[in-house]
Amino acid sequence: MGPRLKRFVDRTKVTQAIICSVVPTATRAARAWLRSAGIKAI
């Protein structure tokens, strides 16, 4: 149980690190895309 739990925790930390690094970039890109798409739509 112990090693498996530790592996799960490590994987969770890695996932959180990836999310924290990707989300701001994706949000910025999505915002820029929505702005350009919104201008075209309107």
PDB file of N, CA and C in Angstrom:
ATOM      1  N   MET A   1       0.831  -1.203   0.000  1.00  0.00           N
ATOM      2  CA  MET A   1       0.000   0.000   0.000  1.00  0.00           C
ATOM      3  C   MET A   1       0.871   1.261   0.000  1.00  0.00           C
ATOM      4  N   GLY A   2       1.924   1.255   0.835  1.00  0.00           N
ATOM      5  CA  GLY A   2       2.765   2.447   0.971  1.00  0.00           C
ATOM      6  C   GLY A   2       3.401   2.910  -0.335  1.00  0.00           C
ATOM      7  N   PRO A   3       4.189   2.042  -1.008  1.00  0.00           N
ATOM      8  CA  PRO A   3       4.846   2.465  -2.256  1.00  0.00           C
ATOM      9  C   PRO A   3       3.849   2.910  -3.314  1.00  0.00           C
ATOM     10  N   ARG A   4       2.711   2.199  -3.409  1.00  0.00           N
ATOM     11  CA  ARG A   4       1.716   2.551  -4.415  1.00  0.00           C
ATOM     12  C   ARG A   4       1.159   3.941  -4.126  1.00  0.00           C
ATOM     13  N   LEU A   5       0.887   4.201  -2.830  1.00  0.00           N
ATOM     14  CA  LEU A   5       0.357   5.506  -2.438  1.00  0.00           C
ATOM     15  C   LEU A   5       1.370   6.609  -2.747  1.00  0.00           C
ATOM     16  N   LYS A   6       2.652   6.322  -2.460  1.00  0.00           N
ATOM     17  CA  LYS A   6       3.693   7.323  -2.726  1.00  0.00           C
ATOM     18  C   LYS A   6       3.785   7.613  -4.223  1.00  0.00           C
ATOM     19  N   ARG A   7       3.693   6.565  -5.037  1.00  0.00           N
ATOM     20  CA  ARG A   7       3.757   6.758  -6.485  1.00  0.00           C
ATOM     21  C   ARG A   7       2.583   7.611  -6.953  1.00  0.00           C
ATOM     22  N   PHE A   8       1.398   7.340  -6.373  1.00  0.00           N
ATOM     23  CA  PHE A   8       0.213   8.119  -6.741  1.00  0.00           C
ATOM     24  C   PHE A   8       0.402   9.589  -6.377  1.00  0.00           C
ATOM     25  N   VAL A   9       0.951   9.844  -5.177  1.00  0.00           N
ATOM     26  CA  VAL A   9       1.177  11.226  -4.738  1.00  0.00           C
ATOM     27  C   VAL A   9       2.182  11.919  -5.652  1.00  0.00           C
ATOM     28  N   ASP A  10       3.267  11.215  -6.008  1.00  0.00           N
ATOM     29  CA  ASP A  10       4.266  11.795  -6.907  1.00  0.00           C
ATOM     30  C   ASP A  10       3.639  12.131  -8.257  1.00  0.00           C
ATOM     31  N   ARG A  11       2.813  11.222  -8.768  1.00  0.00           N
ATOM     32  CA  ARG A  11       2.167  11.456 -10.054  1.00  0.00           C
ATOM     33  C   ARG A  11       1.237  12.661  -9.956  1.00  0.00           C
ATOM     34  N   THR A  12       0.524  12.780  -8.820  1.00  0.00           N
ATOM     35  CA  THR A  12      -0.377  13.914  -8.631  1.00  0.00           C
ATOM     36  C   THR A  12       0.403  15.221  -8.634  1.00  0.00           C
ATOM     37  N   LYS A  13       1.572  15.227  -7.967  1.00  0.00           N
ATOM     38  CA  LYS A  13       2.403  16.436  -7.939  1.00  0.00           C
ATOM     39  C   LYS A  13       2.867  16.799  -9.341  1.00  0.00           C
ATOM     40  N   VAL A  14       3.267  15.800 -10.113  1.00  0.00           N
ATOM     41  CA  VAL A  14       3.711  16.050 -11.485  1.00  0.00           C
ATOM     42  C   VAL A  14       2.563  16.615 -12.308  1.00  0.00           C
ATOM     43  N   THR A  15       1.377  16.019 -12.151  1.00  0.00           N
ATOM     44  CA  THR A  15       0.205  16.501 -12.882  1.00  0.00           C
ATOM     45  C   THR A  15      -0.098  17.945 -12.517  1.00  0.00           C
ATOM     46  N   GLN A  16      -0.042  18.265 -11.231  1.00  0.00           N
ATOM     47  CA  GLN A  16      -0.299  19.638 -10.791  1.00  0.00           C
ATOM     48  C   GLN A  16       0.731  20.595 -11.376  1.00  0.00           C
ATOM     49  N   ALA A  17       1.993  20.168 -11.419  1.00  0.00           N
ATOM     50  CA  ALA A  17       3.042  21.019 -11.976  1.00  0.00           C
ATOM     51  C   ALA A  17       2.788  21.283 -13.455  1.00  0.00           C
ATOM     52  N   ILE A  18       2.386  20.243 -14.188  1.00  0.00           N
ATOM     53  CA  ILE A  18       2.086  20.400 -15.615  1.00  0.00           C
ATOM     54  C   ILE A  18       0.914  21.351 -15.802  1.00  0.00           C
ATOM     55  N   ILE A  19      -0.153  21.145 -15.011  1.00  0.00           N
ATOM     56  CA  ILE A  19      -1.334  22.002 -15.120  1.00  0.00           C
ATOM     57  C   ILE A  19      -0.954  23.449 -14.828  1.00  0.00           C
ATOM     58  N   CYS A  20      -0.175  23.661 -13.767  1.00  0.00           N
ATOM     59  CA  CYS A  20       0.205  25.022 -13.383  1.00  0.00           C
ATOM     60  C   CYS A  20       1.037  25.698 -14.470  1.00  0.00           C
ATOM     61  N   SER A  21       1.817  24.936 -15.217  1.00  0.00           N
ATOM     62  CA  SER A  21       2.649  25.536 -16.258  1.00  0.00           C
ATOM     63  C   SER A  21       1.866  25.718 -17.559  1.00  0.00           C
ATOM     64  N   VAL A  22       0.882  24.846 -17.817  1.00  0.00           N
ATOM     65  CA  VAL A  22       0.165  24.890 -19.097  1.00  0.00           C
ATOM     66  C   VAL A  22      -1.019  25.851 -19.057  1.00  0.00           C
ATOM     67  N   VAL A  23      -1.744  25.870 -17.937  1.00  0.00           N
ATOM     68  CA  VAL A  23      -2.994  26.638 -17.871  1.00  0.00           C
ATOM     69  C   VAL A  23      -2.824  28.123 -18.197  1.00  0.00           C
ATOM     70  N   PRO A  24      -1.846  28.837 -17.623  1.00  0.00           N
ATOM     71  CA  PRO A  24      -1.726  30.260 -17.961  1.00  0.00           C
ATOM     72  C   PRO A  24      -1.490  30.498 -19.452  1.00  0.00           C
ATOM     73  N   THR A  25      -0.653  29.665 -20.061  1.00  0.00           N
ATOM     74  CA  THR A  25      -0.382  29.799 -21.493  1.00  0.00           C
ATOM     75  C   THR A  25      -1.635  29.528 -22.305  1.00  0.00           C
ATOM     76  N   ALA A  26      -2.353  28.465 -21.953  1.00  0.00           N
ATOM     77  CA  ALA A  26      -3.579  28.116 -22.670  1.00  0.00           C
ATOM     78  C   ALA A  26      -4.633  29.202 -22.497  1.00  0.00           C
ATOM     79  N   THR A  27      -4.728  29.747 -21.282  1.00  0.00           N
ATOM     80  CA  THR A  27      -5.706  30.811 -21.036  1.00  0.00           C
ATOM     81  C   THR A  27      -5.384  32.031 -21.883  1.00  0.00           C
ATOM     82  N   ARG A  28      -4.116  32.390 -21.938  1.00  0.00           N
ATOM     83  CA  ARG A  28      -3.701  33.551 -22.728  1.00  0.00           C
ATOM     84  C   ARG A  28      -3.998  33.320 -24.206  1.00  0.00           C
ATOM     85  N   ALA A  29      -3.685  32.125 -24.704  1.00  0.00           N
ATOM     86  CA  ALA A  29      -3.929  31.807 -26.106  1.00  0.00           C
ATOM     87  C   ALA A  29      -5.421  31.813 -26.406  1.00  0.00           C
ATOM     88  N   ALA A  30      -6.216  31.218 -25.505  1.00  0.00           N
ATOM     89  CA  ALA A  30      -7.665  31.174 -25.710  1.00  0.00           C
ATOM     90  C   ALA A  30      -8.246  32.582 -25.710  1.00  0.00           C
ATOM     91  N   ARG A  31      -7.749  33.427 -24.822  1.00  0.00           N
ATOM     92  CA  ARG A  31      -8.265  34.793 -24.741  1.00  0.00           C
ATOM     93  C   ARG A  31      -7.951  35.550 -26.027  1.00  0.00           C
ATOM     94  N   ALA A  32      -6.727  35.395 -26.534  1.00  0.00           N
ATOM     95  CA  ALA A  32      -6.345  36.059 -27.776  1.00  0.00           C
ATOM     96  C   ALA A  32      -7.181  35.537 -28.940  1.00  0.00           C
ATOM     97  N   TRP A  33      -7.417  34.220 -28.972  1.00  0.00           N
ATOM     98  CA  TRP A  33      -8.204  33.618 -30.046  1.00  0.00           C
ATOM     99  C   TRP A  33      -9.649  34.099 -29.990  1.00  0.00           C
ATOM    100  N   LEU A  34     -10.212  34.129 -28.778  1.00  0.00           N
ATOM    101  CA  LEU A  34     -11.592  34.588 -28.628  1.00  0.00           C
ATOM    102  C   LEU A  34     -11.716  36.051 -29.033  1.00  0.00           C
ATOM    103  N   ARG A  35     -10.714  36.844 -28.705  1.00  0.00           N
ATOM    104  CA  ARG A  35     -10.762  38.259 -29.060  1.00  0.00           C
ATOM    105  C   ARG A  35     -10.788  38.415 -30.579  1.00  0.00           C
ATOM    106  N   SER A  36      -9.908  37.706 -31.286  1.00  0.00           N
ATOM    107  CA  SER A  36      -9.869  37.819 -32.745  1.00  0.00           C
ATOM    108  C   SER A  36     -11.122  37.213 -33.368  1.00  0.00           C
ATOM    109  N   ALA A  37     -11.594  36.087 -32.819  1.00  0.00           N
ATOM    110  CA  ALA A  37     -12.807  35.451 -33.346  1.00  0.00           C
ATOM    111  C   ALA A  37     -14.026  36.328 -33.067  1.00  0.00           C
ATOM    112  N   GLY A  38     -14.057  36.946 -31.886  1.00  0.00           N
ATOM    113  CA  GLY A  38     -15.180  37.807 -31.521  1.00  0.00           C
ATOM    114  C   GLY A  38     -15.274  39.016 -32.431  1.00  0.00           C
ATOM    115  N   ILE A  39     -14.122  39.591 -32.775  1.00  0.00           N
ATOM    116  CA  ILE A  39     -14.105  40.755 -33.662  1.00  0.00           C
ATOM    117  C   ILE A  39     -14.653  40.357 -35.033  1.00  0.00           C
ATOM    118  N   LYS A  40     -14.250  39.182 -35.519  1.00  0.00           N
ATOM    119  CA  LYS A  40     -14.736  38.718 -36.820  1.00  0.00           C
ATOM    120  C   LYS A  40     -16.232  38.421 -36.769  1.00  0.00           C
ATOM    121  N   ALA A  41     -16.696  37.815 -35.647  1.00  0.00           N
ATOM    122  CA  ALA A  41     -18.107  37.443 -35.528  1.00  0.00           C
ATOM    123  C   ALA A  41     -18.982  38.691 -35.476  1.00  0.00           C
ATOM    124  N   ILE A  42     -18.507  39.708 -34.760  1.00  0.00           N
ATOM    125  CA  ILE A  42     -19.293  40.939 -34.643  1.00  0.00           C
ATOM    126  C   ILE A  42     -19.020  41.790 -35.889  1.00  0.00           C
TER     127      ILE A  42
END
